[in-house]
PDB file of N, CA and C in Angstrom:
ATOM      1  N   MET A   1      -1.347  -5.830 -10.758  1.00  0.00           N
ATOM      2  CA  MET A   1      -1.855  -5.366  -8.901  1.00  0.00           C
ATOM      3  C   MET A   1      -3.196  -5.670  -9.103  1.00  0.00           C
ATOM      4  N   TRP A   2      -4.138  -5.102  -9.696  1.00  0.00           N
ATOM      5  CA  TRP A   2      -5.342  -5.437  -9.216  1.00  0.00           C
ATOM      6  C   TRP A   2      -6.211  -6.505  -9.865  1.00  0.00           C
ATOM      7  N   PRO A   3      -5.683  -6.772 -11.038  1.00  0.00           N
ATOM      8  CA  PRO A   3      -6.366  -8.263 -10.936  1.00  0.00           C
ATOM      9  C   PRO A   3      -5.653  -9.589 -10.588  1.00  0.00           C
ATOM     10  N   LEU A   4      -4.705  -9.015  -9.928  1.00  0.00           N
ATOM     11  CA  LEU A   4      -4.641 -10.239  -8.551  1.00  0.00           C
ATOM     12  C   LEU A   4      -5.194  -9.797  -7.437  1.00  0.00           C
ATOM     13  N   LEU A   5      -6.078  -8.833  -6.855  1.00  0.00           N
ATOM     14  CA  LEU A   5      -6.941  -8.664  -5.827  1.00  0.00           C
ATOM     15  C   LEU A   5      -7.860  -8.935  -6.198  1.00  0.00           C
ATOM     16  N   LYS A   6      -8.697  -8.740  -7.291  1.00  0.00           N
ATOM     17  CA  LYS A   6     -10.033  -8.894  -7.877  1.00  0.00           C
ATOM     18  C   LYS A   6      -9.743 -10.666  -7.573  1.00  0.00           C
ATOM     19  N   GLU A   7      -8.788 -11.425  -8.268  1.00  0.00           N
ATOM     20  CA  GLU A   7      -8.808 -13.083  -8.589  1.00  0.00           C
ATOM     21  C   GLU A   7      -8.823 -13.440  -7.138  1.00  0.00           C
ATOM     22  N   PHE A   8      -8.159 -13.045  -5.842  1.00  0.00           N
ATOM     23  CA  PHE A   8      -8.195 -13.138  -4.424  1.00  0.00           C
ATOM     24  C   PHE A   8      -9.133 -13.211  -3.964  1.00  0.00           C
ATOM     25  N   PHE A   9      -9.625 -12.315  -4.071  1.00  0.00           N
ATOM     26  CA  PHE A   9     -11.303 -11.901  -3.606  1.00  0.00           C
ATOM     27  C   PHE A   9     -12.198 -12.868  -4.047  1.00  0.00           C
ATOM     28  N   LYS A  10     -12.253 -13.231  -5.604  1.00  0.00           N
ATOM     29  CA  LYS A  10     -13.464 -13.964  -5.985  1.00  0.00           C
ATOM     30  C   LYS A  10     -12.981 -15.581  -5.422  1.00  0.00           C
ATOM     31  N   PHE A  11     -11.519 -15.819  -5.560  1.00  0.00           N
ATOM     32  CA  PHE A  11     -11.784 -16.733  -4.714  1.00  0.00           C
ATOM     33  C   PHE A  11     -12.458 -16.689  -3.320  1.00  0.00           C
ATOM     34  N   ALA A  12     -11.431 -16.095  -2.772  1.00  0.00           N
ATOM     35  CA  ALA A  12     -11.991 -16.201  -1.459  1.00  0.00           C
ATOM     36  C   ALA A  12     -13.826 -16.187  -1.115  1.00  0.00           C
ATOM     37  N   ARG A  13     -14.654 -15.619  -2.320  1.00  0.00           N
ATOM     38  CA  ARG A  13     -15.916 -15.468  -2.311  1.00  0.00           C
ATOM     39  C   ARG A  13     -16.488 -17.163  -2.356  1.00  0.00           C
ATOM     40  N   GLN A  14     -15.821 -17.586  -3.444  1.00  0.00           N
ATOM     41  CA  GLN A  14     -16.286 -18.904  -4.022  1.00  0.00           C
ATOM     42  C   GLN A  14     -16.235 -20.055  -2.811  1.00  0.00           C
ATOM     43  N   GLU A  15     -14.805 -20.028  -2.747  1.00  0.00           N
ATOM     44  CA  GLU A  15     -14.491 -21.037  -1.694  1.00  0.00           C
ATOM     45  C   GLU A  15     -14.755 -20.969  -0.213  1.00  0.00           C
ATOM     46  N   LYS A  16     -15.269 -19.908  -0.049  1.00  0.00           N
ATOM     47  CA  LYS A  16     -15.482 -19.642   1.610  1.00  0.00           C
ATOM     48  C   LYS A  16     -14.591 -19.275   2.220  1.00  0.00           C
ATOM     49  N   LYS A  17     -13.720 -18.943   1.878  1.00  0.00           N
ATOM     50  CA  LYS A  17     -12.151 -18.957   2.713  1.00  0.00           C
ATOM     51  C   LYS A  17     -12.199 -17.397   3.209  1.00  0.00           C
ATOM     52  N   TRP A  18     -12.715 -17.027   4.026  1.00  0.00           N
ATOM     53  CA  TRP A  18     -12.880 -15.482   4.334  1.00  0.00           C
ATOM     54  C   TRP A  18     -11.681 -14.918   5.770  1.00  0.00           C
ATOM     55  N   TRP A  19     -11.258 -16.483   5.943  1.00  0.00           N
ATOM     56  CA  TRP A  19     -10.411 -16.269   7.251  1.00  0.00           C
ATOM     57  C   TRP A  19      -9.003 -15.968   6.624  1.00  0.00           C
ATOM     58  N   LEU A  20      -9.161 -16.365   5.363  1.00  0.00           N
ATOM     59  CA  LEU A  20      -7.316 -15.676   4.252  1.00  0.00           C
ATOM     60  C   LEU A  20      -7.654 -14.182   4.574  1.00  0.00           C
ATOM     61  N   ILE A  21      -8.420 -13.364   4.062  1.00  0.00           N
ATOM     62  CA  ILE A  21      -8.564 -12.035   3.445  1.00  0.00           C
ATOM     63  C   ILE A  21      -7.679 -11.526   5.330  1.00  0.00           C
ATOM     64  N   PRO A  22      -8.432 -11.280   6.478  1.00  0.00           N
ATOM     65  CA  PRO A  22      -7.415 -10.401   7.573  1.00  0.00           C
ATOM     66  C   PRO A  22      -5.923 -11.007   7.677  1.00  0.00           C
ATOM     67  N   LEU A  23      -5.638 -12.292   6.805  1.00  0.00           N
ATOM     68  CA  LEU A  23      -4.352 -12.855   7.139  1.00  0.00           C
ATOM     69  C   LEU A  23      -3.355 -12.231   6.050  1.00  0.00           C
ATOM     70  N   ILE A  24      -4.013 -12.248   4.862  1.00  0.00           N
ATOM     71  CA  ILE A  24      -3.209 -11.164   3.990  1.00  0.00           C
ATOM     72  C   ILE A  24      -3.185 -10.004   4.362  1.00  0.00           C
ATOM     73  N   VAL A  25      -4.160  -9.510   5.007  1.00  0.00           N
ATOM     74  CA  VAL A  25      -3.771  -7.184   5.311  1.00  0.00           C
ATOM     75  C   VAL A  25      -2.692  -7.939   6.101  1.00  0.00           C
ATOM     76  N   LEU A  26      -2.682  -8.194   7.239  1.00  0.00           N
ATOM     77  CA  LEU A  26      -1.982  -8.382   8.589  1.00  0.00           C
ATOM     78  C   LEU A  26      -0.714  -8.711   7.984  1.00  0.00           C
ATOM     79  N   LEU A  27      -0.217  -9.906   6.936  1.00  0.00           N
ATOM     80  CA  LEU A  27       1.164  -9.861   6.177  1.00  0.00           C
ATOM     81  C   LEU A  27       1.516  -8.289   5.686  1.00  0.00           C
ATOM     82  N   LEU A  28       0.436  -7.801   5.211  1.00  0.00           N
ATOM     83  CA  LEU A  28       1.051  -6.912   3.786  1.00  0.00           C
ATOM     84  C   LEU A  28       1.356  -5.755   4.931  1.00  0.00           C
ATOM     85  N   LEU A  29       0.482  -5.634   6.194  1.00  0.00           N
ATOM     86  CA  LEU A  29       0.610  -4.032   6.704  1.00  0.00           C
ATOM     87  C   LEU A  29       2.043  -4.710   7.434  1.00  0.00           C
ATOM     88  N   LEU A  30       2.448  -5.643   7.911  1.00  0.00           N
ATOM     89  CA  LEU A  30       3.771  -6.290   8.930  1.00  0.00           C
ATOM     90  C   LEU A  30       5.133  -5.668   7.487  1.00  0.00           C
ATOM     91  N   GLY A  31       4.912  -5.878   5.933  1.00  0.00           N
ATOM     92  CA  GLY A  31       5.562  -5.678   5.231  1.00  0.00           C
ATOM     93  C   GLY A  31       6.197  -4.581   5.353  1.00  0.00           C
ATOM     94  N   VAL A  32       4.992  -3.809   4.845  1.00  0.00           N
ATOM     95  CA  VAL A  32       5.016  -2.311   5.058  1.00  0.00           C
ATOM     96  C   VAL A  32       6.120  -1.556   6.342  1.00  0.00           C
ATOM     97  N   ILE A  33       5.848  -2.327   7.096  1.00  0.00           N
ATOM     98  CA  ILE A  33       6.005  -1.202   8.457  1.00  0.00           C
ATOM     99  C   ILE A  33       7.496  -1.850   7.905  1.00  0.00           C
ATOM    100  N   LEU A  34       7.849  -3.369   8.215  1.00  0.00           N
ATOM    101  CA  LEU A  34       9.033  -3.484   8.252  1.00  0.00           C
ATOM    102  C   LEU A  34       9.828  -2.346   7.209  1.00  0.00           C
ATOM    103  N   ILE A  35       9.241  -2.558   5.538  1.00  0.00           N
ATOM    104  CA  ILE A  35       9.706  -1.502   4.790  1.00  0.00           C
ATOM    105  C   ILE A  35      10.196  -0.218   5.357  1.00  0.00           C
ATOM    106  N   PHE A  36       9.351   0.569   5.608  1.00  0.00           N
ATOM    107  CA  PHE A  36       9.579   1.759   6.205  1.00  0.00           C
ATOM    108  C   PHE A  36      10.405   1.933   7.523  1.00  0.00           C
ATOM    109  N   THR A  37      10.207   0.806   8.577  1.00  0.00           N
ATOM    110  CA  THR A  37      11.058   1.355   9.549  1.00  0.00           C
ATOM    111  C   THR A  37      12.667   0.575   9.506  1.00  0.00           C
ATOM    112  N   ALA A  38      12.441   0.485   8.422  1.00  0.00           N
ATOM    113  CA  ALA A  38      14.289  -0.358   8.025  1.00  0.00           C
ATOM    114  C   ALA A  38      15.256   0.547   7.841  1.00  0.00           C
ATOM    115  N   SER A  39      14.718   1.992   7.145  1.00  0.00           N
ATOM    116  CA  SER A  39      15.522   3.094   6.698  1.00  0.00           C
ATOM    117  C   SER A  39      15.430   4.144   7.636  1.00  0.00           C
ATOM    118  N   SER A  40      14.715   4.311   9.013  1.00  0.00           N
ATOM    119  CA  SER A  40      14.599   5.053   9.797  1.00  0.00           C
ATOM    120  C   SER A  40      15.118   5.212  10.465  1.00  0.00           C
ATOM    121  N   GLY A  41      15.168   6.046  11.614  1.00  0.00           N
ATOM    122  CA  GLY A  41      16.161   6.466  12.559  1.00  0.00           C
ATOM    123  C   GLY A  41      15.633   5.867  13.858  1.00  0.00           C
ATOM    124  N   ILE A  42      14.224   5.182  13.540  1.00  0.00           N
ATOM    125  CA  ILE A  42      13.523   4.806  14.785  1.00  0.00           C
ATOM    126  C   ILE A  42      13.771   3.124  14.624  1.00  0.00           C
ATOM    127  N   SER A  43      14.354   2.681  13.490  1.00  0.00           N
ATOM    128  CA  SER A  43      14.512   1.229  13.384  1.00  0.00           C
ATOM    129  C   SER A  43      14.855   0.157  14.779  1.00  0.00           C
ATOM    130  N   TRP A  44      15.664   0.908  15.127  1.00  0.00           N
ATOM    131  CA  TRP A  44      16.379  -0.181  16.935  1.00  0.00           C
ATOM    132  C   TRP A  44      15.168  -0.075  17.287  1.00  0.00           C
ATOM    133  N   ALA A  45      14.094   0.933  17.715  1.00  0.00           N
ATOM    134  CA  ALA A  45      13.430   0.871  18.752  1.00  0.00           C
ATOM    135  C   ALA A  45      12.052  -0.004  18.068  1.00  0.00           C
ATOM    136  N   MET A  46      12.204  -0.600  16.973  1.00  0.00           N
ATOM    137  CA  MET A  46      10.849  -1.489  16.440  1.00  0.00           C
ATOM    138  C   MET A  46      10.979  -2.563  16.656  1.00  0.00           C
ATOM    139  N   TYR A  47      12.726  -3.214  16.504  1.00  0.00           N
ATOM    140  CA  TYR A  47      12.917  -4.544  16.638  1.00  0.00           C
ATOM    141  C   TYR A  47      12.746  -5.537  17.652  1.00  0.00           C
ATOM    142  N   PRO A  48      12.271  -5.033  18.784  1.00  0.00           N
ATOM    143  CA  PRO A  48      11.727  -6.129  20.032  1.00  0.00           C
ATOM    144  C   PRO A  48      10.088  -6.276  19.644  1.00  0.00           C
ATOM    145  N   PHE A  49       9.663  -5.169  18.921  1.00  0.00           N
ATOM    146  CA  PHE A  49       8.300  -5.523  18.856  1.00  0.00           C
ATOM    147  C   PHE A  49       8.048  -6.025  17.758  1.00  0.00           C
ATOM    148  N   LEU A  50       8.263  -6.557  16.643  1.00  0.00           N
ATOM    149  CA  LEU A  50       8.311  -7.688  15.824  1.00  0.00           C
ATOM    150  C   LEU A  50       9.195  -8.546  15.436  1.00  0.00           C
TER     151      LEU A  50
END
């Protein structure tokens, strides 16, 4: 996992693609929210917002 992150940051720095970092962070946060709310009791309340 860490070598992949290091490679991604190296790519973003070399190619000056800084806009990719917030996009990746947002996608990761969305994935974490979906994983944790899918098995919880509040999942029915989260679906309209996602």
